[in-house]
Amino acid sequence: MQIKKLIVGLTFSFLMGSGIVLAADYEKGFQAFQKGVYQVALAEWVPLAEQGDIDSQNTLAAMYKLGLGVKKNPEEAVKWYRLAAEQGDAAGQYGLGTMYAAGEGLLQDYNVALKWFNLAAAQGDVAAQFNLGLMYDNGHGVLENDETAVEWYTLSATQGLAEAQAHLGVMYQYGNGIAKDMDRAYVWYNISAYGGNELGAKNKLILASDMDDSQKTKLQGLSNTCLASGYKDC
């Protein structure tokens, strides 16, 4: 199977810090960031991050990782992600895991990435769960294990992550780690496409090309049932 990239997308936390003042200052920085006034955002967030505010640490890490309002600096991103991660924050643990997995700002180490993804996944972080699926799917830092990959993809997919839904569809389509089931593959591709995932949309069209209208209508109904049930009846 083609090796898939780990998701390293930017996620800003909207959770406020525990103190009222910290929350107000973080929000002030966030409003400035939304307007593109990055220096004001930094002026608010850096002192908060230095005081241990997790939201500010994660946001600074993302800015340095992607070069948003600052010069791209993966080492600085690692620093801030690590501070949040070591406080037990799932977003920080996930972010640090992506840096180890990609070898950004430090030496690539899938084993350490696996550690941080596991910690984040245990707290319900859907992106970390998906990335664990990818690691077992591709044998990165672990022995390749399609069954375990399916377990992680399913956990993430049934919490609404479109990328995981598309990859779960692949596992059903080819019978990797689970019994081959083209109907379920189509349903997961369809749901993933609805969530904006390109892989899901592409693979849905490929499968649909061999189906008649009655099949597509039936599978659309199954997709609707899955979504309406909150992924309990998929």
C-alpha atoms as a PDB file:
ATOM      1  CA  MET A   1       0.000   0.000   0.000  1.00  0.00           C
ATOM      2  CA  GLN A   2       1.203   3.499  -0.763  1.00  0.00           C
ATOM      3  CA  ILE A   3       2.825   5.152   2.226  1.00  0.00           C
ATOM      4  CA  LYS A   4       0.673   7.941   3.579  1.00  0.00           C
ATOM      5  CA  LYS A   5       1.880  11.117   5.165  1.00  0.00           C
ATOM      6  CA  LEU A   6       1.299  11.856   8.797  1.00  0.00           C
ATOM      7  CA  ILE A   7      -1.096  14.689   9.402  1.00  0.00           C
ATOM      8  CA  VAL A   8       0.803  17.695  10.684  1.00  0.00           C
ATOM      9  CA  GLY A   9      -1.903  20.286  10.219  1.00  0.00           C
ATOM     10  CA  LEU A  10      -2.307  23.357  12.352  1.00  0.00           C
ATOM     11  CA  THR A  11      -4.922  23.241  15.081  1.00  0.00           C
ATOM     12  CA  PHE A  12      -5.523  26.273  17.275  1.00  0.00           C
ATOM     13  CA  SER A  13      -6.977  25.594  20.684  1.00  0.00           C
ATOM     14  CA  PHE A  14      -9.939  27.705  21.721  1.00  0.00           C
ATOM     15  CA  LEU A  15      -9.694  26.605  25.337  1.00  0.00           C
ATOM     16  CA  MET A  16      -8.870  29.439  27.659  1.00  0.00           C
ATOM     17  CA  GLY A  17      -6.277  29.343  30.431  1.00  0.00           C
ATOM     18  CA  SER A  18      -7.348  28.673  33.990  1.00  0.00           C
ATOM     19  CA  GLY A  19      -6.985  32.274  35.160  1.00  0.00           C
ATOM     20  CA  ILE A  20      -9.365  35.055  34.121  1.00  0.00           C
ATOM     21  CA  VAL A  21      -6.489  37.406  33.297  1.00  0.00           C
ATOM     22  CA  LEU A  22      -4.662  34.739  31.296  1.00  0.00           C
ATOM     23  CA  ALA A  23      -7.843  33.983  29.388  1.00  0.00           C
ATOM     24  CA  ALA A  24      -8.414  37.642  28.570  1.00  0.00           C
ATOM     25  CA  ASP A  25      -4.831  38.132  27.414  1.00  0.00           C
ATOM     26  CA  TYR A  26      -4.914  34.989  25.287  1.00  0.00           C
ATOM     27  CA  GLU A  27      -8.150  36.147  23.672  1.00  0.00           C
ATOM     28  CA  LYS A  28      -6.600  39.555  22.986  1.00  0.00           C
ATOM     29  CA  GLY A  29      -3.724  37.832  21.212  1.00  0.00           C
ATOM     30  CA  PHE A  30      -6.094  35.605  19.290  1.00  0.00           C
ATOM     31  CA  GLN A  31      -8.113  38.564  18.030  1.00  0.00           C
ATOM     32  CA  ALA A  32      -4.902  40.243  16.868  1.00  0.00           C
ATOM     33  CA  PHE A  33      -3.805  37.040  15.139  1.00  0.00           C
ATOM     34  CA  GLN A  34      -7.105  36.804  13.258  1.00  0.00           C
ATOM     35  CA  LYS A  35      -6.537  40.336  11.958  1.00  0.00           C
ATOM     36  CA  GLY A  36      -2.999  39.451  10.860  1.00  0.00           C
ATOM     37  CA  VAL A  37      -1.418  41.711  13.495  1.00  0.00           C
ATOM     38  CA  TYR A  38       1.077  39.029  14.457  1.00  0.00           C
ATOM     39  CA  GLN A  39       3.426  41.164  16.531  1.00  0.00           C
ATOM     40  CA  VAL A  40       0.599  42.108  18.880  1.00  0.00           C
ATOM     41  CA  ALA A  41      -0.392  38.447  19.145  1.00  0.00           C
ATOM     42  CA  LEU A  42       3.186  37.506  19.983  1.00  0.00           C
ATOM     43  CA  ALA A  43       3.443  40.266  22.559  1.00  0.00           C
ATOM     44  CA  GLU A  44       0.406  38.786  24.325  1.00  0.00           C
ATOM     45  CA  TRP A  45       1.252  35.112  23.955  1.00  0.00           C
ATOM     46  CA  VAL A  46       4.980  34.934  24.698  1.00  0.00           C
ATOM     47  CA  PRO A  47       4.681  36.125  28.338  1.00  0.00           C
ATOM     48  CA  LEU A  48       1.730  33.788  28.862  1.00  0.00           C
ATOM     49  CA  ALA A  49       3.636  30.863  27.381  1.00  0.00           C
ATOM     50  CA  GLU A  50       6.623  31.619  29.591  1.00  0.00           C
ATOM     51  CA  GLN A  51       4.261  31.503  32.594  1.00  0.00           C
ATOM     52  CA  GLY A  52       3.178  28.016  31.545  1.00  0.00           C
ATOM     53  CA  ASP A  53      -0.063  28.778  29.699  1.00  0.00           C
ATOM     54  CA  ILE A  54      -0.647  25.705  27.542  1.00  0.00           C
ATOM     55  CA  ASP A  55      -2.822  27.364  24.890  1.00  0.00           C
ATOM     56  CA  SER A  56      -0.188  30.031  24.280  1.00  0.00           C
ATOM     57  CA  GLN A  57       2.587  27.435  24.128  1.00  0.00           C
ATOM     58  CA  ASN A  58       0.734  25.374  21.526  1.00  0.00           C
ATOM     59  CA  THR A  59      -0.175  28.396  19.441  1.00  0.00           C
ATOM     60  CA  LEU A  60       3.385  29.722  19.447  1.00  0.00           C
ATOM     61  CA  ALA A  61       4.616  26.272  18.454  1.00  0.00           C
ATOM     62  CA  ALA A  62       2.244  26.221  15.489  1.00  0.00           C
ATOM     63  CA  MET A  63       3.318  29.714  14.420  1.00  0.00           C
ATOM     64  CA  TYR A  64       6.997  28.775  14.463  1.00  0.00           C
ATOM     65  CA  LYS A  65       6.306  25.461  12.764  1.00  0.00           C
ATOM     66  CA  LEU A  66       4.493  27.079   9.840  1.00  0.00           C
ATOM     67  CA  GLY A  67       6.164  30.490   9.806  1.00  0.00           C
ATOM     68  CA  LEU A  68       2.996  32.439  10.584  1.00  0.00           C
ATOM     69  CA  GLY A  69       3.976  35.959  11.576  1.00  0.00           C
ATOM     70  CA  VAL A  70       7.474  34.777  12.481  1.00  0.00           C
ATOM     71  CA  LYS A  71      10.400  33.260  10.655  1.00  0.00           C
ATOM     72  CA  LYS A  72       9.858  29.524  10.355  1.00  0.00           C
ATOM     73  CA  ASN A  73      11.810  27.884  13.167  1.00  0.00           C
ATOM     74  CA  PRO A  74      11.160  24.175  13.803  1.00  0.00           C
ATOM     75  CA  GLU A  75      13.510  24.098  16.795  1.00  0.00           C
ATOM     76  CA  GLU A  76      11.479  26.828  18.481  1.00  0.00           C
ATOM     77  CA  ALA A  77       8.284  24.945  17.610  1.00  0.00           C
ATOM     78  CA  VAL A  78       9.665  21.832  19.297  1.00  0.00           C
ATOM     79  CA  LYS A  79      10.508  23.855  22.399  1.00  0.00           C
ATOM     80  CA  TRP A  80       6.966  25.154  22.835  1.00  0.00           C
ATOM     81  CA  TYR A  81       5.261  21.880  21.946  1.00  0.00           C
ATOM     82  CA  ARG A  82       7.455  20.084  24.472  1.00  0.00           C
ATOM     83  CA  LEU A  83       6.553  22.508  27.257  1.00  0.00           C
ATOM     84  CA  ALA A  84       2.856  21.905  26.621  1.00  0.00           C
ATOM     85  CA  ALA A  85       3.312  18.159  26.155  1.00  0.00           C
ATOM     86  CA  GLU A  86       5.197  17.758  29.413  1.00  0.00           C
ATOM     87  CA  GLN A  87       2.264  19.363  31.210  1.00  0.00           C
ATOM     88  CA  GLY A  88       0.123  16.505  29.921  1.00  0.00           C
ATOM     89  CA  ASP A  89      -1.667  18.460  27.195  1.00  0.00           C
ATOM     90  CA  ALA A  90      -2.932  16.271  24.345  1.00  0.00           C
ATOM     91  CA  ALA A  91      -2.513  18.955  21.657  1.00  0.00           C
ATOM     92  CA  GLY A  92       1.079  19.539  22.746  1.00  0.00           C
ATOM     93  CA  GLN A  93       1.772  15.809  22.812  1.00  0.00           C
ATOM     94  CA  TYR A  94       0.318  15.413  19.341  1.00  0.00           C
ATOM     95  CA  GLY A  95       2.272  18.401  18.029  1.00  0.00           C
ATOM     96  CA  LEU A  96       5.535  17.110  19.486  1.00  0.00           C
ATOM     97  CA  GLY A  97       4.804  13.698  17.993  1.00  0.00           C
ATOM     98  CA  THR A  98       4.465  15.222  14.532  1.00  0.00           C
ATOM     99  CA  MET A  99       7.852  16.910  14.900  1.00  0.00           C
ATOM    100  CA  TYR A 100       9.550  13.618  15.804  1.00  0.00           C
ATOM    101  CA  ALA A 101       7.716  11.774  13.026  1.00  0.00           C
ATOM    102  CA  ALA A 102       8.744  14.314  10.381  1.00  0.00           C
ATOM    103  CA  GLY A 103      12.217  15.024  11.781  1.00  0.00           C
ATOM    104  CA  GLU A 104      11.491  18.737  12.062  1.00  0.00           C
ATOM    105  CA  GLY A 105      13.646  20.637  14.534  1.00  0.00           C
ATOM    106  CA  LEU A 106      15.234  17.427  15.808  1.00  0.00           C
ATOM    107  CA  LEU A 107      16.303  14.000  14.605  1.00  0.00           C
ATOM    108  CA  GLN A 108      13.505  11.888  13.186  1.00  0.00           C
ATOM    109  CA  ASP A 109      12.527   9.208  15.674  1.00  0.00           C
ATOM    110  CA  TYR A 110       9.389   7.168  15.032  1.00  0.00           C
ATOM    111  CA  ASN A 111       9.676   5.442  18.395  1.00  0.00           C
ATOM    112  CA  VAL A 112       9.491   8.730  20.285  1.00  0.00           C
ATOM    113  CA  ALA A 113       6.738   9.951  17.949  1.00  0.00           C
ATOM    114  CA  LEU A 114       4.816   6.792  18.806  1.00  0.00           C
ATOM    115  CA  LYS A 115       5.176   7.544  22.515  1.00  0.00           C
ATOM    116  CA  TRP A 116       3.727  11.039  22.191  1.00  0.00           C
ATOM    117  CA  PHE A 117       0.947   9.970  19.823  1.00  0.00           C
ATOM    118  CA  ASN A 118      -0.063   7.236  22.263  1.00  0.00           C
ATOM    119  CA  LEU A 119      -0.249   9.720  25.128  1.00  0.00           C
ATOM    120  CA  ALA A 120      -2.381  12.115  23.077  1.00  0.00           C
ATOM    121  CA  ALA A 121      -4.556   9.324  21.676  1.00  0.00           C
ATOM    122  CA  ALA A 122      -5.277   8.057  25.189  1.00  0.00           C
ATOM    123  CA  GLN A 123      -6.819  11.468  25.889  1.00  0.00           C
ATOM    124  CA  GLY A 124      -9.042  11.193  22.830  1.00  0.00           C
ATOM    125  CA  ASP A 125      -7.021  13.245  20.334  1.00  0.00           C
ATOM    126  CA  VAL A 126      -8.435  12.077  16.985  1.00  0.00           C
ATOM    127  CA  ALA A 127      -5.463  13.221  14.897  1.00  0.00           C
ATOM    128  CA  ALA A 128      -3.070  11.293  17.151  1.00  0.00           C
ATOM    129  CA  GLN A 129      -5.288   8.228  16.843  1.00  0.00           C
ATOM    130  CA  PHE A 130      -5.227   8.562  13.060  1.00  0.00           C
ATOM    131  CA  ASN A 131      -1.458   8.952  12.999  1.00  0.00           C
ATOM    132  CA  LEU A 132      -1.085   5.804  15.083  1.00  0.00           C
ATOM    133  CA  GLY A 133      -3.149   4.081  12.410  1.00  0.00           C
ATOM    134  CA  LEU A 134      -0.738   5.346   9.768  1.00  0.00           C
ATOM    135  CA  MET A 135       2.281   4.172  11.740  1.00  0.00           C
ATOM    136  CA  TYR A 136       0.905   0.639  12.095  1.00  0.00           C
ATOM    137  CA  ASP A 137      -0.261   0.711   8.478  1.00  0.00           C
ATOM    138  CA  ASN A 138       3.218   1.622   7.236  1.00  0.00           C
ATOM    139  CA  GLY A 139       5.404  -0.021   9.891  1.00  0.00           C
ATOM    140  CA  HIS A 140       6.892   3.224  11.181  1.00  0.00           C
ATOM    141  CA  GLY A 141       8.388   2.657  14.636  1.00  0.00           C
ATOM    142  CA  VAL A 142       6.371  -0.550  15.001  1.00  0.00           C
ATOM    143  CA  LEU A 143       5.902  -3.818  13.158  1.00  0.00           C
ATOM    144  CA  GLU A 144       3.384  -3.339  10.361  1.00  0.00           C
ATOM    145  CA  ASN A 145       0.011  -4.512  11.632  1.00  0.00           C
ATOM    146  CA  ASP A 146      -3.060  -3.911   9.499  1.00  0.00           C
ATOM    147  CA  GLU A 147      -5.477  -5.075  12.198  1.00  0.00           C
ATOM    148  CA  THR A 148      -4.138  -2.538  14.691  1.00  0.00           C
ATOM    149  CA  ALA A 149      -4.148   0.134  11.984  1.00  0.00           C
ATOM    150  CA  VAL A 150      -7.846  -0.574  11.389  1.00  0.00           C
ATOM    151  CA  GLU A 151      -8.553  -0.236  15.117  1.00  0.00           C
ATOM    152  CA  TRP A 152      -6.960   3.221  15.248  1.00  0.00           C
ATOM    153  CA  TYR A 153      -8.514   4.353  11.966  1.00  0.00           C
ATOM    154  CA  THR A 154     -11.929   3.223  13.205  1.00  0.00           C
ATOM    155  CA  LEU A 155     -11.566   5.023  16.526  1.00  0.00           C
ATOM    156  CA  SER A 156     -10.658   8.251  14.758  1.00  0.00           C
ATOM    157  CA  ALA A 157     -13.154   7.812  11.905  1.00  0.00           C
ATOM    158  CA  THR A 158     -16.082   7.287  14.265  1.00  0.00           C
ATOM    159  CA  GLN A 159     -15.221  10.581  15.933  1.00  0.00           C
ATOM    160  CA  GLY A 160     -15.550  12.381  12.609  1.00  0.00           C
ATOM    161  CA  LEU A 161     -12.004  12.774  11.226  1.00  0.00           C
ATOM    162  CA  ALA A 162     -12.383  12.740   7.439  1.00  0.00           C
ATOM    163  CA  GLU A 163      -8.806  11.591   6.790  1.00  0.00           C
ATOM    164  CA  ALA A 164      -9.309   8.549   9.007  1.00  0.00           C
ATOM    165  CA  GLN A 165     -12.623   7.802   7.303  1.00  0.00           C
ATOM    166  CA  ALA A 166     -10.930   7.750   3.890  1.00  0.00           C
ATOM    167  CA  HIS A 167      -8.151   5.457   5.080  1.00  0.00           C
ATOM    168  CA  LEU A 168     -10.641   3.149   6.755  1.00  0.00           C
ATOM    169  CA  GLY A 169     -12.359   2.957   3.391  1.00  0.00           C
ATOM    170  CA  VAL A 170      -9.070   1.839   1.830  1.00  0.00           C
ATOM    171  CA  MET A 171      -8.732  -0.946   4.397  1.00  0.00           C
ATOM    172  CA  TYR A 172     -12.245  -2.196   3.594  1.00  0.00           C
ATOM    173  CA  GLN A 173     -11.699  -1.894  -0.154  1.00  0.00           C
ATOM    174  CA  TYR A 174      -8.562  -4.047  -0.168  1.00  0.00           C
ATOM    175  CA  GLY A 175      -9.321  -6.257   2.825  1.00  0.00           C
ATOM    176  CA  ASN A 176      -6.301  -5.068   4.772  1.00  0.00           C
ATOM    177  CA  GLY A 177      -6.680  -5.954   8.442  1.00  0.00           C
ATOM    178  CA  ILE A 178     -10.412  -6.511   8.036  1.00  0.00           C
ATOM    179  CA  ALA A 179     -12.765  -8.495   5.803  1.00  0.00           C
ATOM    180  CA  LYS A 180     -13.048  -6.976   2.340  1.00  0.00           C
ATOM    181  CA  ASP A 181     -16.334  -5.092   2.033  1.00  0.00           C
ATOM    182  CA  MET A 182     -16.868  -2.820  -0.949  1.00  0.00           C
ATOM    183  CA  ASP A 183     -20.139  -1.439   0.404  1.00  0.00           C
ATOM    184  CA  ARG A 184     -18.486  -0.312   3.639  1.00  0.00           C
ATOM    185  CA  ALA A 185     -15.559   1.057   1.657  1.00  0.00           C
ATOM    186  CA  TYR A 186     -17.966   3.179  -0.389  1.00  0.00           C
ATOM    187  CA  VAL A 187     -19.828   4.362   2.714  1.00  0.00           C
ATOM    188  CA  TRP A 188     -16.630   5.526   4.400  1.00  0.00           C
ATOM    189  CA  TYR A 189     -15.372   7.179   1.213  1.00  0.00           C
ATOM    190  CA  ASN A 190     -18.729   8.897   0.834  1.00  0.00           C
ATOM    191  CA  ILE A 191     -18.737  10.192   4.407  1.00  0.00           C
ATOM    192  CA  SER A 192     -15.117  11.288   4.088  1.00  0.00           C
ATOM    193  CA  ALA A 193     -15.881  13.124   0.847  1.00  0.00           C
ATOM    194  CA  TYR A 194     -18.769  14.874   2.591  1.00  0.00           C
ATOM    195  CA  GLY A 195     -16.191  16.066   5.127  1.00  0.00           C
ATOM    196  CA  GLY A 196     -14.039  17.517   2.344  1.00  0.00           C
ATOM    197  CA  ASN A 197     -11.394  14.803   2.007  1.00  0.00           C
ATOM    198  CA  GLU A 198      -9.949  14.521  -1.506  1.00  0.00           C
ATOM    199  CA  LEU A 199      -8.869  10.883  -1.206  1.00  0.00           C
ATOM    200  CA  GLY A 200     -12.352   9.900  -0.102  1.00  0.00           C
ATOM    201  CA  ALA A 201     -13.968  11.869  -2.925  1.00  0.00           C
ATOM    202  CA  LYS A 202     -11.655  10.371  -5.545  1.00  0.00           C
ATOM    203  CA  ASN A 203     -12.083   6.780  -4.376  1.00  0.00           C
ATOM    204  CA  LYS A 204     -15.846   7.192  -4.054  1.00  0.00           C
ATOM    205  CA  LEU A 205     -16.052   8.167  -7.722  1.00  0.00           C
ATOM    206  CA  ILE A 206     -13.902   5.198  -8.724  1.00  0.00           C
ATOM    207  CA  LEU A 207     -16.156   2.744  -6.898  1.00  0.00           C
ATOM    208  CA  ALA A 208     -19.312   4.494  -8.107  1.00  0.00           C
ATOM    209  CA  SER A 209     -18.252   4.035 -11.735  1.00  0.00           C
ATOM    210  CA  ASP A 210     -18.974   0.296 -11.390  1.00  0.00           C
ATOM    211  CA  MET A 211     -22.337   0.728  -9.632  1.00  0.00           C
ATOM    212  CA  ASP A 212     -25.846   1.202 -10.924  1.00  0.00           C
ATOM    213  CA  ASP A 213     -28.191   3.855  -9.573  1.00  0.00           C
ATOM    214  CA  SER A 214     -29.961   1.474  -7.191  1.00  0.00           C
ATOM    215  CA  GLN A 215     -26.659   0.494  -5.552  1.00  0.00           C
ATOM    216  CA  LYS A 216     -25.628   4.108  -5.128  1.00  0.00           C
ATOM    217  CA  THR A 217     -29.018   4.996  -3.665  1.00  0.00           C
ATOM    218  CA  LYS A 218     -28.778   2.126  -1.173  1.00  0.00           C
ATOM    219  CA  LEU A 219     -25.260   3.101  -0.094  1.00  0.00           C
ATOM    220  CA  GLN A 220     -26.224   6.754   0.221  1.00  0.00           C
ATOM    221  CA  GLY A 221     -28.936   5.613   2.604  1.00  0.00           C
ATOM    222  CA  LEU A 222     -26.399   3.632   4.644  1.00  0.00           C
ATOM    223  CA  SER A 223     -24.156   6.698   4.740  1.00  0.00           C
ATOM    224  CA  ASN A 224     -27.031   8.842   5.995  1.00  0.00           C
ATOM    225  CA  THR A 225     -27.848   6.276   8.681  1.00  0.00           C
ATOM    226  CA  CYS A 226     -24.221   6.193   9.807  1.00  0.00           C
ATOM    227  CA  LEU A 227     -24.071   9.966  10.153  1.00  0.00           C
ATOM    228  CA  ALA A 228     -27.488  10.259  11.793  1.00  0.00           C
ATOM    229  CA  SER A 229     -26.516   7.662  14.399  1.00  0.00           C
ATOM    230  CA  GLY A 230     -23.355   9.527  15.359  1.00  0.00           C
ATOM    231  CA  TYR A 231     -21.285   6.732  13.759  1.00  0.00           C
ATOM    232  CA  LYS A 232     -22.893   4.048  15.938  1.00  0.00           C
ATOM    233  CA  ASP A 233     -24.621   2.345  12.988  1.00  0.00           C
ATOM    234  CA  CYS A 234     -22.047   2.213  10.226  1.00  0.00           C
END
